């Protein structure tokens, strides 16, 4: 996840944020402005983002499983508001 969500150097936003903004720009050009020549870049970037999100989803599922195991250990006496 660090590779996709790190702030790189100097506290910049994660690269995936920039990629999504770029995808939006490409989509606007292709869909709203009819710039069909930008369609290949649009679909290439969409596929790259899709792959990144799949990797992130898998990593988050692994983290969720580990946290679920931990919270399952909480004794009833320490549960609040149940």
Protein backbone atom coordinates (compact mmCIF):
# COMPACT_ATOMS: atom_id res chain seq x y z
CA UNK A 1 0.00 0.00 0.00
CA UNK A 2 2.88 2.36 0.69
CA UNK A 3 3.79 2.43 -2.96
CA UNK A 4 0.31 3.66 -3.90
CA UNK A 5 -0.49 5.89 -0.94
CA UNK A 6 2.83 7.35 0.15
CA UNK A 7 3.34 11.07 -0.05
CA UNK A 8 6.58 10.62 -1.93
CA UNK A 9 8.93 13.44 -1.06
CA UNK A 10 8.05 16.79 0.43
CA UNK A 11 4.53 15.84 1.54
CA UNK A 12 2.99 15.64 -1.92
CA UNK A 13 -0.40 13.97 -2.39
CA UNK A 14 -0.41 10.25 -3.23
CA UNK A 15 0.31 9.48 -6.86
CA UNK A 16 -3.04 7.72 -7.28
CA UNK A 17 -4.77 11.04 -6.54
CA UNK A 18 -2.90 12.69 -9.38
CA UNK A 19 -3.66 9.73 -11.65
CA UNK A 20 -7.40 10.00 -10.90
CA UNK A 21 -7.35 13.75 -11.62
CA UNK A 22 -5.53 13.07 -14.89
CA UNK A 23 -8.09 10.38 -15.75
CA UNK A 24 -10.87 12.90 -15.15
CA UNK A 25 -9.20 15.38 -17.48
CA UNK A 26 -8.81 12.72 -20.16
CA UNK A 27 -12.43 11.63 -19.78
CA UNK A 28 -13.61 15.22 -20.10
CA UNK A 29 -11.58 15.65 -23.27
CA UNK A 30 -12.82 12.41 -24.82
CA UNK A 31 -16.44 12.38 -23.69
CA UNK A 32 -17.34 16.08 -23.51
CA UNK A 33 -15.02 17.54 -26.13
CA UNK A 34 -14.89 14.67 -28.62
CA UNK A 35 -11.10 14.43 -28.57
CA UNK A 36 -11.03 10.80 -29.70
CA UNK A 37 -7.25 10.85 -30.11
CA UNK A 38 -6.92 10.95 -26.32
CA UNK A 39 -9.04 7.80 -25.87
CA UNK A 40 -6.06 5.37 -25.86
CA UNK A 41 -4.40 7.33 -23.04
CA UNK A 42 -7.72 7.40 -21.18
CA UNK A 43 -8.16 3.64 -21.32
CA UNK A 44 -4.50 2.92 -20.56
CA UNK A 45 -4.62 5.09 -17.46
CA UNK A 46 -7.99 3.64 -16.41
CA UNK A 47 -6.48 0.15 -16.61
CA UNK A 48 -3.44 1.23 -14.58
CA UNK A 49 -5.65 2.74 -11.88
CA UNK A 50 -7.85 -0.35 -11.88
CA UNK A 51 -4.77 -2.51 -11.26
CA UNK A 52 -3.60 -0.21 -8.46
CA UNK A 53 -7.02 -0.32 -6.81
CA UNK A 54 -7.07 -4.10 -7.05
CA UNK A 55 -3.70 -4.25 -5.29
CA UNK A 56 -4.91 -1.83 -2.63
CA UNK A 57 -8.11 -3.78 -2.13
CA UNK A 58 -6.15 -6.99 -1.58
CA UNK A 59 -3.84 -5.27 0.90
CA UNK A 60 -6.80 -3.78 2.78
CA UNK A 61 -8.51 -7.18 2.94
CA UNK A 62 -5.36 -8.63 4.53
CA UNK A 63 -5.27 -5.81 7.07
CA UNK A 64 -8.98 -6.26 7.78
CA UNK A 65 -8.48 -9.98 8.43
CA UNK A 66 -5.67 -9.26 10.89
CA UNK A 67 -7.72 -6.62 12.71
CA UNK A 68 -10.76 -8.93 12.81
CA UNK A 69 -8.65 -11.58 14.52
CA UNK A 70 -7.49 -9.02 17.05
CA UNK A 71 -10.95 -7.63 17.83
CA UNK A 72 -12.32 -11.17 18.16
CA UNK A 73 -10.01 -11.53 21.17
CA UNK A 74 -11.71 -8.70 23.09
CA UNK A 75 -13.36 -10.11 26.20
CA UNK A 76 -17.05 -9.39 26.79
CA UNK A 77 -16.16 -7.47 29.95
CA UNK A 78 -14.34 -4.85 27.88
CA UNK A 79 -17.12 -4.25 25.34
CA UNK A 80 -18.77 -0.87 25.57
CA UNK A 81 -22.26 0.04 24.52
CA UNK A 82 -23.29 -3.49 23.52
